C-alpha atoms as a PDB file:
ATOM      1  CA  MET A   1     -64.073 -46.849-109.033  1.00  0.00           C
ATOM      2  CA  ILE A   2     -67.245 -48.882-109.506  1.00  0.00           C
ATOM      3  CA  ASP A   3     -68.124 -51.795-107.196  1.00  0.00           C
ATOM      4  CA  LYS A   4     -67.718 -55.417-108.243  1.00  0.00           C
ATOM      5  CA  SER A   5     -71.366 -56.110-109.080  1.00  0.00           C
ATOM      6  CA  LYS A   6     -71.664 -53.025-111.246  1.00  0.00           C
ATOM      7  CA  LYS A   7     -68.353 -53.843-112.884  1.00  0.00           C
ATOM      8  CA  THR A   8     -69.542 -57.375-113.725  1.00  0.00           C
ATOM      9  CA  ALA A   9     -72.807 -56.098-115.151  1.00  0.00           C
ATOM     10  CA  LEU A  10     -71.011 -53.457-117.149  1.00  0.00           C
ATOM     11  CA  MET A  11     -68.512 -55.923-118.572  1.00  0.00           C
ATOM     12  CA  SER A  12     -71.242 -58.377-119.565  1.00  0.00           C
ATOM     13  CA  ASN A  13     -73.136 -55.721-121.422  1.00  0.00           C
ATOM     14  CA  LEU A  14     -70.166 -53.746-122.714  1.00  0.00           C
ATOM     15  CA  GLN A  15     -70.579 -54.749-126.317  1.00  0.00           C
ATOM     16  CA  ASP A  16     -74.189 -53.562-126.280  1.00  0.00           C
ATOM     17  CA  ILE A  17     -73.321 -50.284-124.572  1.00  0.00           C
ATOM     18  CA  LYS A  18     -70.274 -49.386-126.622  1.00  0.00           C
ATOM     19  CA  ARG A  19     -71.012 -46.983-129.448  1.00  0.00           C
ATOM     20  CA  ASN A  20     -69.280 -47.100-132.726  1.00  0.00           C
ATOM     21  CA  ILE A  21     -68.371 -43.387-132.636  1.00  0.00           C
ATOM     22  CA  LYS A  22     -64.922 -42.084-133.360  1.00  0.00           C
ATOM     23  CA  HIS A  23     -63.793 -39.320-131.040  1.00  0.00           C
ATOM     24  CA  PRO A  24     -63.042 -36.121-133.000  1.00  0.00           C
ATOM     25  CA  TYR A  25     -59.413 -35.960-131.886  1.00  0.00           C
ATOM     26  CA  LEU A  26     -58.760 -38.003-128.742  1.00  0.00           C
ATOM     27  CA  ASN A  27     -56.774 -41.209-129.257  1.00  0.00           C
ATOM     28  CA  LEU A  28     -57.748 -43.958-126.842  1.00  0.00           C
ATOM     29  CA  PRO A  29     -55.532 -46.904-125.874  1.00  0.00           C
ATOM     30  CA  SER A  30     -56.656 -50.074-127.656  1.00  0.00           C
ATOM     31  CA  ASN A  31     -57.848 -51.660-124.399  1.00  0.00           C
ATOM     32  CA  TRP A  32     -60.133 -48.750-123.504  1.00  0.00           C
ATOM     33  CA  SER A  33     -63.811 -48.718-124.437  1.00  0.00           C
ATOM     34  CA  TYR A  34     -65.954 -45.781-125.527  1.00  0.00           C
ATOM     35  CA  LEU A  35     -69.249 -45.768-123.599  1.00  0.00           C
ATOM     36  CA  LYS A  36     -71.272 -42.639-124.304  1.00  0.00           C
ATOM     37  CA  SER A  37     -71.011 -38.968-125.092  1.00  0.00           C
ATOM     38  CA  LYS A  38     -72.862 -35.675-124.812  1.00  0.00           C
ATOM     39  CA  GLY A  39     -72.771 -32.518-126.845  1.00  0.00           C
ATOM     40  CA  ILE A  40     -74.567 -30.252-129.292  1.00  0.00           C
ATOM     41  CA  GLY A  41     -75.145 -31.452-132.852  1.00  0.00           C
ATOM     42  CA  PRO A  42     -72.022 -33.097-134.295  1.00  0.00           C
ATOM     43  CA  PHE A  43     -69.798 -31.845-131.463  1.00  0.00           C
ATOM     44  CA  ILE A  44     -68.679 -34.065-128.592  1.00  0.00           C
ATOM     45  CA  SER A  45     -67.913 -32.027-125.490  1.00  0.00           C
ATOM     46  CA  CYS A  46     -68.258 -34.741-122.847  1.00  0.00           C
ATOM     47  CA  ALA A  47     -67.628 -38.483-122.980  1.00  0.00           C
ATOM     48  CA  GLU A  48     -67.255 -41.519-120.748  1.00  0.00           C
ATOM     49  CA  PHE A  49     -64.697 -44.273-121.221  1.00  0.00           C
ATOM     50  CA  TYR A  50     -64.145 -47.617-119.563  1.00  0.00           C
ATOM     51  CA  ASN A  51     -60.547 -48.518-118.781  1.00  0.00           C
ATOM     52  CA  PRO A  52     -58.937 -51.883-117.944  1.00  0.00           C
ATOM     53  CA  LYS A  53     -58.807 -50.988-114.222  1.00  0.00           C
ATOM     54  CA  GLY A  54     -62.576 -51.168-114.026  1.00  0.00           C
ATOM     55  CA  GLU A  55     -63.006 -47.419-113.873  1.00  0.00           C
ATOM     56  CA  ILE A  56     -65.376 -45.186-115.764  1.00  0.00           C
ATOM     57  CA  VAL A  57     -63.336 -42.173-116.843  1.00  0.00           C
ATOM     58  CA  LEU A  58     -65.148 -38.903-117.514  1.00  0.00           C
ATOM     59  CA  TRP A  59     -63.668 -36.615-120.164  1.00  0.00           C
ATOM     60  CA  GLU A  60     -64.709 -33.018-120.822  1.00  0.00           C
ATOM     61  CA  SER A  61     -63.408 -30.928-123.691  1.00  0.00           C
ATOM     62  CA  ARG A  62     -62.844 -27.726-121.716  1.00  0.00           C
ATOM     63  CA  TYR A  63     -61.316 -29.434-118.682  1.00  0.00           C
ATOM     64  CA  HIS A  64     -58.962 -31.498-120.861  1.00  0.00           C
ATOM     65  CA  ARG A  65     -57.815 -28.380-122.716  1.00  0.00           C
ATOM     66  CA  LYS A  66     -57.422 -26.181-119.658  1.00  0.00           C
ATOM     67  CA  HIS A  67     -55.784 -28.668-117.300  1.00  0.00           C
ATOM     68  CA  HIS A  68     -53.569 -30.727-119.578  1.00  0.00           C
ATOM     69  CA  SER A  69     -52.165 -28.017-121.796  1.00  0.00           C
ATOM     70  CA  ASN A  70     -48.793 -28.609-123.417  1.00  0.00           C
ATOM     71  CA  LEU A  71     -48.278 -24.853-123.033  1.00  0.00           C
ATOM     72  CA  ASP A  72     -48.422 -24.933-119.243  1.00  0.00           C
ATOM     73  CA  LYS A  73     -44.772 -24.824-118.136  1.00  0.00           C
ATOM     74  CA  SER A  74     -45.481 -23.480-114.686  1.00  0.00           C
ATOM     75  CA  GLN A  75     -46.894 -24.949-111.495  1.00  0.00           C
ATOM     76  CA  GLY A  76     -47.280 -21.438-110.125  1.00  0.00           C
ATOM     77  CA  SER A  77     -50.074 -20.205-107.908  1.00  0.00           C
ATOM     78  CA  THR A  78     -53.540 -19.218-109.029  1.00  0.00           C
ATOM     79  CA  TRP A  79     -52.661 -15.530-109.245  1.00  0.00           C
ATOM     80  CA  TRP A  80     -49.052 -15.737-110.429  1.00  0.00           C
ATOM     81  CA  ALA A  81     -48.024 -18.289-113.052  1.00  0.00           C
ATOM     82  CA  PRO A  82     -46.248 -16.513-115.943  1.00  0.00           C
ATOM     83  CA  GLY A  83     -45.074 -19.846-117.314  1.00  0.00           C
ATOM     84  CA  SER A  84     -48.651 -20.841-118.112  1.00  0.00           C
ATOM     85  CA  ALA A  85     -50.475 -19.841-121.297  1.00  0.00           C
ATOM     86  CA  GLY A  86     -53.760 -20.200-119.411  1.00  0.00           C
ATOM     87  CA  TRP A  87     -52.630 -17.612-116.873  1.00  0.00           C
ATOM     88  CA  TRP A  88     -51.667 -15.171-119.631  1.00  0.00           C
ATOM     89  CA  ILE A  89     -55.014 -15.661-121.377  1.00  0.00           C
ATOM     90  CA  GLY A  90     -56.834 -14.507-118.252  1.00  0.00           C
ATOM     91  CA  ILE A  91     -54.476 -11.580-117.630  1.00  0.00           C
ATOM     92  CA  LEU A  92     -54.572 -10.336-121.229  1.00  0.00           C
ATOM     93  CA  PHE A  93     -58.363 -10.575-121.450  1.00  0.00           C
ATOM     94  CA  GLY A  94     -58.573  -8.736-118.130  1.00  0.00           C
ATOM     95  CA  ILE A  95     -56.348  -5.869-119.317  1.00  0.00           C
ATOM     96  CA  GLY A  96     -58.120  -5.580-122.677  1.00  0.00           C
ATOM     97  CA  SER A  97     -61.525  -5.546-120.987  1.00  0.00           C
ATOM     98  CA  SER A  98     -60.380  -2.881-118.521  1.00  0.00           C
ATOM     99  CA  LEU A  99     -59.342  -0.597-121.375  1.00  0.00           C
ATOM    100  CA  PHE A 100     -62.658  -1.113-123.183  1.00  0.00           C
ATOM    101  CA  ALA A 101     -64.551  -0.314-119.986  1.00  0.00           C
ATOM    102  CA  LEU A 102     -62.413   2.790-119.422  1.00  0.00           C
ATOM    103  CA  GLY A 103     -62.885   4.015-122.980  1.00  0.00           C
ATOM    104  CA  SER A 104     -66.676   3.739-122.700  1.00  0.00           C
ATOM    105  CA  ILE A 105     -66.927   6.018-119.661  1.00  0.00           C
ATOM    106  CA  PRO A 106     -68.114   9.497-120.783  1.00  0.00           C
ATOM    107  CA  PHE A 107     -66.013  11.251-118.117  1.00  0.00           C
ATOM    108  CA  TYR A 108     -62.851   9.630-119.486  1.00  0.00           C
ATOM    109  CA  PHE A 109     -63.816  10.544-123.059  1.00  0.00           C
ATOM    110  CA  ASN A 110     -64.418  14.174-122.079  1.00  0.00           C
ATOM    111  CA  PHE A 111     -61.149  14.294-120.144  1.00  0.00           C
ATOM    112  CA  VAL A 112     -58.760  12.805-122.750  1.00  0.00           C
ATOM    113  CA  GLY A 113     -60.597  13.676-125.983  1.00  0.00           C
ATOM    114  CA  THR A 114     -61.579  11.678-129.044  1.00  0.00           C
ATOM    115  CA  ALA A 115     -58.088  10.704-130.209  1.00  0.00           C
ATOM    116  CA  PHE A 116     -56.843   9.292-126.898  1.00  0.00           C
ATOM    117  CA  ASP A 117     -60.166   7.584-126.248  1.00  0.00           C
ATOM    118  CA  SER A 118     -59.899   5.844-129.633  1.00  0.00           C
ATOM    119  CA  ILE A 119     -56.295   4.842-128.853  1.00  0.00           C
ATOM    120  CA  THR A 120     -57.530   3.349-125.578  1.00  0.00           C
ATOM    121  CA  PHE A 121     -59.981   1.132-127.456  1.00  0.00           C
ATOM    122  CA  PHE A 122     -57.354   0.133-130.031  1.00  0.00           C
ATOM    123  CA  THR A 123     -54.864  -0.777-127.302  1.00  0.00           C
ATOM    124  CA  GLY A 124     -57.531  -2.839-125.569  1.00  0.00           C
ATOM    125  CA  SER A 125     -58.265  -4.665-128.817  1.00  0.00           C
ATOM    126  CA  ILE A 126     -54.581  -5.642-129.110  1.00  0.00           C
ATOM    127  CA  PHE A 127     -54.755  -7.278-125.684  1.00  0.00           C
ATOM    128  CA  PHE A 128     -57.971  -9.037-126.757  1.00  0.00           C
ATOM    129  CA  THR A 129     -56.270 -10.381-129.885  1.00  0.00           C
ATOM    130  CA  SER A 130     -53.221 -11.550-127.943  1.00  0.00           C
ATOM    131  CA  ALA A 131     -55.421 -13.414-125.465  1.00  0.00           C
ATOM    132  CA  ALA A 132     -57.595 -14.890-128.216  1.00  0.00           C
ATOM    133  CA  TYR A 133     -54.544 -16.086-130.140  1.00  0.00           C
ATOM    134  CA  LEU A 134     -53.151 -17.827-127.045  1.00  0.00           C
ATOM    135  CA  GLN A 135     -56.580 -19.340-126.448  1.00  0.00           C
ATOM    136  CA  TYR A 136     -56.632 -20.701-129.992  1.00  0.00           C
ATOM    137  CA  ILE A 137     -53.114 -22.124-129.555  1.00  0.00           C
ATOM    138  CA  GLU A 138     -54.229 -23.651-126.258  1.00  0.00           C
ATOM    139  CA  SER A 139     -57.044 -25.362-128.132  1.00  0.00           C
ATOM    140  CA  THR A 140     -54.848 -26.700-130.935  1.00  0.00           C
ATOM    141  CA  ASN A 141     -52.453 -28.100-128.342  1.00  0.00           C
ATOM    142  CA  ALA A 142     -54.971 -29.970-126.230  1.00  0.00           C
ATOM    143  CA  PRO A 143     -53.356 -33.432-125.853  1.00  0.00           C
ATOM    144  CA  ARG A 144     -54.502 -36.013-128.386  1.00  0.00           C
ATOM    145  CA  SER A 145     -54.052 -38.811-125.866  1.00  0.00           C
ATOM    146  CA  ILE A 146     -56.156 -39.494-122.787  1.00  0.00           C
ATOM    147  CA  ASP A 147     -53.065 -39.809-120.582  1.00  0.00           C
ATOM    148  CA  SER A 148     -51.868 -36.312-121.550  1.00  0.00           C
ATOM    149  CA  ILE A 149     -48.440 -37.234-122.871  1.00  0.00           C
ATOM    150  CA  LYS A 150     -46.470 -34.185-124.009  1.00  0.00           C
ATOM    151  CA  GLU A 151     -46.752 -33.850-127.758  1.00  0.00           C
ATOM    152  CA  LYS A 152     -45.501 -31.734-130.623  1.00  0.00           C
ATOM    153  CA  LEU A 153     -46.770 -28.158-130.608  1.00  0.00           C
ATOM    154  CA  HIS A 154     -49.461 -27.253-133.134  1.00  0.00           C
ATOM    155  CA  PHE A 155     -49.761 -23.610-134.206  1.00  0.00           C
ATOM    156  CA  LEU A 156     -52.353 -24.061-136.948  1.00  0.00           C
ATOM    157  CA  THR A 157     -54.843 -26.873-137.358  1.00  0.00           C
ATOM    158  CA  PHE A 158     -58.150 -27.519-139.103  1.00  0.00           C
ATOM    159  CA  GLU A 159     -60.437 -29.503-136.807  1.00  0.00           C
ATOM    160  CA  PRO A 160     -64.043 -28.714-137.755  1.00  0.00           C
ATOM    161  CA  LYS A 161     -65.430 -31.535-135.582  1.00  0.00           C
ATOM    162  CA  ARG A 162     -64.222 -29.813-132.404  1.00  0.00           C
ATOM    163  CA  ILE A 163     -66.519 -27.268-130.773  1.00  0.00           C
ATOM    164  CA  ASP A 164     -63.625 -25.647-128.874  1.00  0.00           C
ATOM    165  CA  TRP A 165     -61.633 -25.246-132.085  1.00  0.00           C
ATOM    166  CA  TRP A 166     -64.523 -23.358-133.661  1.00  0.00           C
ATOM    167  CA  ALA A 167     -65.095 -21.244-130.537  1.00  0.00           C
ATOM    168  CA  THR A 168     -61.477 -20.129-130.218  1.00  0.00           C
ATOM    169  CA  ALA A 169     -60.929 -19.649-133.970  1.00  0.00           C
ATOM    170  CA  VAL A 170     -64.089 -17.547-134.414  1.00  0.00           C
ATOM    171  CA  GLN A 171     -63.274 -15.419-131.374  1.00  0.00           C
ATOM    172  CA  PHE A 172     -59.756 -14.799-132.679  1.00  0.00           C
ATOM    173  CA  ILE A 173     -61.229 -13.630-136.000  1.00  0.00           C
ATOM    174  CA  GLY A 174     -63.603 -11.387-134.068  1.00  0.00           C
ATOM    175  CA  THR A 175     -60.734  -9.710-132.241  1.00  0.00           C
ATOM    176  CA  ILE A 176     -59.054  -8.944-135.581  1.00  0.00           C
ATOM    177  CA  PHE A 177     -62.242  -7.197-136.705  1.00  0.00           C
ATOM    178  CA  PHE A 178     -62.072  -5.153-133.486  1.00  0.00           C
ATOM    179  CA  ASN A 179     -58.443  -4.282-134.297  1.00  0.00           C
ATOM    180  CA  ILE A 180     -59.543  -2.960-137.693  1.00  0.00           C
ATOM    181  CA  SER A 181     -62.524  -1.059-136.295  1.00  0.00           C
ATOM    182  CA  THR A 182     -60.688   0.601-133.417  1.00  0.00           C
ATOM    183  CA  PHE A 183     -57.655   1.434-135.562  1.00  0.00           C
ATOM    184  CA  ASN A 184     -59.821   3.131-138.184  1.00  0.00           C
ATOM    185  CA  ALA A 185     -61.633   5.050-135.441  1.00  0.00           C
ATOM    186  CA  ILE A 186     -58.346   6.786-134.559  1.00  0.00           C
ATOM    187  CA  GLN A 187     -58.428   8.598-137.894  1.00  0.00           C
ATOM    188  CA  SER A 188     -60.003  12.055-137.824  1.00  0.00           C
ATOM    189  CA  GLY A 189     -62.140  13.668-140.484  1.00  0.00           C
ATOM    190  CA  LEU A 190     -64.053  10.544-141.567  1.00  0.00           C
ATOM    191  CA  ASN A 191     -67.443  11.240-143.130  1.00  0.00           C
ATOM    192  CA  THR A 192     -70.587   9.264-142.315  1.00  0.00           C
ATOM    193  CA  ASN A 193     -70.129   6.663-145.051  1.00  0.00           C
ATOM    194  CA  GLN A 194     -66.496   6.132-144.082  1.00  0.00           C
ATOM    195  CA  MET A 195     -67.412   5.784-140.406  1.00  0.00           C
ATOM    196  CA  ASN A 196     -69.997   3.125-141.190  1.00  0.00           C
ATOM    197  CA  HIS A 197     -67.755   1.291-143.647  1.00  0.00           C
ATOM    198  CA  LEU A 198     -64.415   1.494-141.826  1.00  0.00           C
ATOM    199  CA  VAL A 199     -65.477   1.556-138.187  1.00  0.00           C
ATOM    200  CA  TRP A 200     -69.041   0.318-137.755  1.00  0.00           C
ATOM    201  CA  SER A 201     -68.948  -2.626-140.206  1.00  0.00           C
ATOM    202  CA  PRO A 202     -65.864  -4.383-138.751  1.00  0.00           C
ATOM    203  CA  ASP A 203     -67.186  -3.636-135.255  1.00  0.00           C
ATOM    204  CA  ALA A 204     -70.459  -5.340-136.168  1.00  0.00           C
ATOM    205  CA  TYR A 205     -68.623  -8.336-137.677  1.00  0.00           C
ATOM    206  CA  GLY A 206     -66.454  -8.604-134.581  1.00  0.00           C
ATOM    207  CA  SER A 207     -69.514  -8.533-132.340  1.00  0.00           C
ATOM    208  CA  ILE A 208     -71.156 -11.280-134.397  1.00  0.00           C
ATOM    209  CA  CYS A 209     -68.005 -13.406-134.107  1.00  0.00           C
ATOM    210  CA  PHE A 210     -67.901 -12.876-130.340  1.00  0.00           C
ATOM    211  CA  LEU A 211     -71.547 -13.886-130.019  1.00  0.00           C
ATOM    212  CA  ILE A 212     -71.039 -17.062-132.065  1.00  0.00           C
ATOM    213  CA  ALA A 213     -67.856 -17.944-130.162  1.00  0.00           C
ATOM    214  CA  SER A 214     -69.535 -17.348-126.801  1.00  0.00           C
ATOM    215  CA  LEU A 215     -72.490 -19.538-127.767  1.00  0.00           C
ATOM    216  CA  LEU A 216     -70.140 -22.340-128.789  1.00  0.00           C
ATOM    217  CA  ALA A 217     -68.177 -21.983-125.544  1.00  0.00           C
ATOM    218  CA  TRP A 218     -71.455 -22.026-123.603  1.00  0.00           C
ATOM    219  CA  TRP A 219     -72.568 -25.218-125.349  1.00  0.00           C
ATOM    220  CA  GLU A 220     -69.155 -26.773-124.725  1.00  0.00           C
ATOM    221  CA  VAL A 221     -69.547 -26.212-120.979  1.00  0.00           C
ATOM    222  CA  SER A 222     -73.242 -27.103-120.868  1.00  0.00           C
ATOM    223  CA  HIS A 223     -73.110 -30.124-123.241  1.00  0.00           C
ATOM    224  CA  ALA A 224     -76.620 -28.933-124.156  1.00  0.00           C
ATOM    225  CA  LEU A 225     -78.521 -25.818-125.181  1.00  0.00           C
ATOM    226  CA  TRP A 226     -78.949 -24.851-121.546  1.00  0.00           C
ATOM    227  CA  SER A 227     -77.514 -25.862-118.183  1.00  0.00           C
ATOM    228  CA  TRP A 228     -77.506 -24.739-114.577  1.00  0.00           C
ATOM    229  CA  LYS A 229     -74.136 -25.439-112.976  1.00  0.00           C
ATOM    230  CA  ILE A 230     -73.600 -22.500-110.648  1.00  0.00           C
ATOM    231  CA  LYS A 231     -70.967 -24.370-108.626  1.00  0.00           C
ATOM    232  CA  LYS A 232     -68.646 -24.633-111.629  1.00  0.00           C
ATOM    233  CA  ILE A 233     -66.250 -21.795-112.417  1.00  0.00           C
ATOM    234  CA  SER A 234     -66.275 -22.697-116.117  1.00  0.00           C
ATOM    235  CA  TRP A 235     -70.058 -22.270-116.210  1.00  0.00           C
ATOM    236  CA  TRP A 236     -69.778 -18.744-114.815  1.00  0.00           C
ATOM    237  CA  ILE A 237     -67.032 -17.874-117.289  1.00  0.00           C
ATOM    238  CA  ALA A 238     -69.146 -19.094-120.193  1.00  0.00           C
ATOM    239  CA  ILE A 239     -72.329 -17.288-119.185  1.00  0.00           C
ATOM    240  CA  LEU A 240     -70.476 -14.041-118.391  1.00  0.00           C
ATOM    241  CA  ASN A 241     -68.824 -14.115-121.810  1.00  0.00           C
ATOM    242  CA  LEU A 242     -72.176 -14.803-123.433  1.00  0.00           C
ATOM    243  CA  ILE A 243     -73.802 -11.856-121.640  1.00  0.00           C
ATOM    244  CA  GLY A 244     -70.798  -9.702-122.550  1.00  0.00           C
ATOM    245  CA  SER A 245     -71.104 -10.660-126.210  1.00  0.00           C
ATOM    246  CA  VAL A 246     -74.802  -9.783-126.239  1.00  0.00           C
ATOM    247  CA  ALA A 247     -73.986  -6.404-124.669  1.00  0.00           C
ATOM    248  CA  PHE A 248     -71.264  -5.779-127.274  1.00  0.00           C
ATOM    249  CA  GLY A 249     -73.746  -6.690-130.001  1.00  0.00           C
ATOM    250  CA  ILE A 250     -76.348  -4.244-128.713  1.00  0.00           C
ATOM    251  CA  SER A 251     -73.648  -1.581-128.521  1.00  0.00           C
ATOM    252  CA  ALA A 252     -72.589  -2.278-132.112  1.00  0.00           C
ATOM    253  CA  ILE A 253     -76.149  -1.994-133.422  1.00  0.00           C
ATOM    254  CA  SER A 254     -76.607   1.327-131.634  1.00  0.00           C
ATOM    255  CA  ALA A 255     -73.284   2.650-132.966  1.00  0.00           C
ATOM    256  CA  TYR A 256     -74.491   2.854-136.576  1.00  0.00           C
ATOM    257  CA  VAL A 257     -73.969   6.428-137.717  1.00  0.00           C
ATOM    258  CA  LEU A 258     -77.132   8.027-139.076  1.00  0.00           C
ATOM    259  CA  PRO A 259     -76.562   9.938-142.335  1.00  0.00           C
ATOM    260  CA  SER A 260     -79.133  12.546-141.290  1.00  0.00           C
ATOM    261  CA  THR A 261     -77.269  13.546-138.126  1.00  0.00           C
ATOM    262  CA  GLY A 262     -73.749  12.163-138.503  1.00  0.00           C
ATOM    263  CA  LEU A 263     -74.102  10.678-135.000  1.00  0.00           C
ATOM    264  CA  PRO A 264     -74.610   7.146-133.647  1.00  0.00           C
ATOM    265  CA  GLN A 265     -78.200   5.989-133.243  1.00  0.00           C
ATOM    266  CA  ASN A 266     -77.916   6.005-129.461  1.00  0.00           C
ATOM    267  CA  ILE A 267     -74.619   6.978-127.858  1.00  0.00           C
ATOM    268  CA  VAL A 268     -75.906   6.141-124.357  1.00  0.00           C
ATOM    269  CA  ILE A 269     -76.591   2.526-125.338  1.00  0.00           C
ATOM    270  CA  VAL A 270     -73.272   2.379-127.200  1.00  0.00           C
ATOM    271  CA  ASN A 271     -71.356   3.336-124.066  1.00  0.00           C
ATOM    272  CA  LEU A 272     -73.519   1.324-121.685  1.00  0.00           C
ATOM    273  CA  GLY A 273     -73.389  -1.822-123.838  1.00  0.00           C
ATOM    274  CA  THR A 274     -69.623  -1.551-124.230  1.00  0.00           C
ATOM    275  CA  PHE A 275     -69.138  -0.967-120.504  1.00  0.00           C
ATOM    276  CA  ILE A 276     -71.358  -3.875-119.424  1.00  0.00           C
ATOM    277  CA  GLY A 277     -69.777  -6.185-121.985  1.00  0.00           C
ATOM    278  CA  ALA A 278     -66.272  -5.176-120.922  1.00  0.00           C
ATOM    279  CA  ILE A 279     -67.048  -5.759-117.245  1.00  0.00           C
ATOM    280  CA  CYS A 280     -68.446  -9.218-118.027  1.00  0.00           C
ATOM    281  CA  PHE A 281     -65.337 -10.083-120.058  1.00  0.00           C
ATOM    282  CA  PHE A 282     -63.121  -8.705-117.289  1.00  0.00           C
ATOM    283  CA  ILE A 283     -64.731 -10.901-114.619  1.00  0.00           C
ATOM    284  CA  GLY A 284     -64.684 -13.870-116.993  1.00  0.00           C
ATOM    285  CA  GLY A 285     -61.000 -13.284-117.707  1.00  0.00           C
ATOM    286  CA  ILE A 286     -60.098 -13.087-114.022  1.00  0.00           C
ATOM    287  CA  LEU A 287     -62.068 -16.271-113.296  1.00  0.00           C
ATOM    288  CA  LEU A 288     -59.854 -18.084-115.791  1.00  0.00           C
ATOM    289  CA  LEU A 289     -57.092 -17.914-113.186  1.00  0.00           C
ATOM    290  CA  PRO A 290     -58.801 -19.973-110.437  1.00  0.00           C
ATOM    291  CA  GLU A 291     -60.371 -22.226-113.079  1.00  0.00           C
ATOM    292  CA  ARG A 292     -56.874 -23.243-114.141  1.00  0.00           C
ATOM    293  CA  THR A 293     -55.864 -24.388-110.645  1.00  0.00           C
ATOM    294  CA  LYS A 294     -59.062 -25.250-108.771  1.00  0.00           C
ATOM    295  CA  GLU A 295     -61.696 -26.515-111.159  1.00  0.00           C
ATOM    296  CA  LYS A 296     -62.581 -30.213-110.765  1.00  0.00           C
ATOM    297  CA  ILE A 297     -64.130 -32.340-113.468  1.00  0.00           C
ATOM    298  CA  GLU A 298     -67.622 -33.539-112.575  1.00  0.00           C
ATOM    299  CA  ASN A 299     -70.851 -34.698-114.161  1.00  0.00           C
END
């Protein structure tokens, strides 16, 4: 709540302050005023509104999506809320990341063999895809009204003006590429060209998608190219996912099979990059659980 003098000054200058910008998807009541916004390029990830009560209301894309989800049917605790899509997103990402980390450990590979190691990665990719799909659905069902009235469920939308829509859609596509790559890796007897075409190429595309999605998610949290908000759980989730995506990308580059040897360029970097990336995604996934129940919106 702003004090009376500030309220009077704000009201007298409201017409000069108000910007003639249409929010990409949020519908404001007719007696609310749009004050200002922040974001990268054409994307609005943070905005301020002035309501009839004399309050300046801060809106953030990620907070609005995560805390007002139409898919959250549970008021459960931080660590147990199976009625919440947000809870499942964190759990599924955590399981998928654990399997990727396990599959990248040389001791595990030597113990179970190539076939079971490949199955481990494929199983992990299924958990990734499940989590990414729920995350996309969570995005498409972010309430269109500021007061978070329950609305009709949306399973497929096209909202190119929303940074979170792009981030979740691109990540979901990336997980499908990982499904293809890890499934093809289960096959035995592939030659070098087949390995690069069926396994390495979709892995590289998936890594590129993850990097793009993580950058978009980072910009959504930061409202700028860079930010330093170490007290915010969402900031840590975004930067961990970004680091994880970079590690996956380095691993993918190193996994290219050389025709001269029939082996990856650098198997040590492949395993290390995958392991580091998986650990970052695991921590990021687990942090989604307290973010859902404890994160507070702030400037």
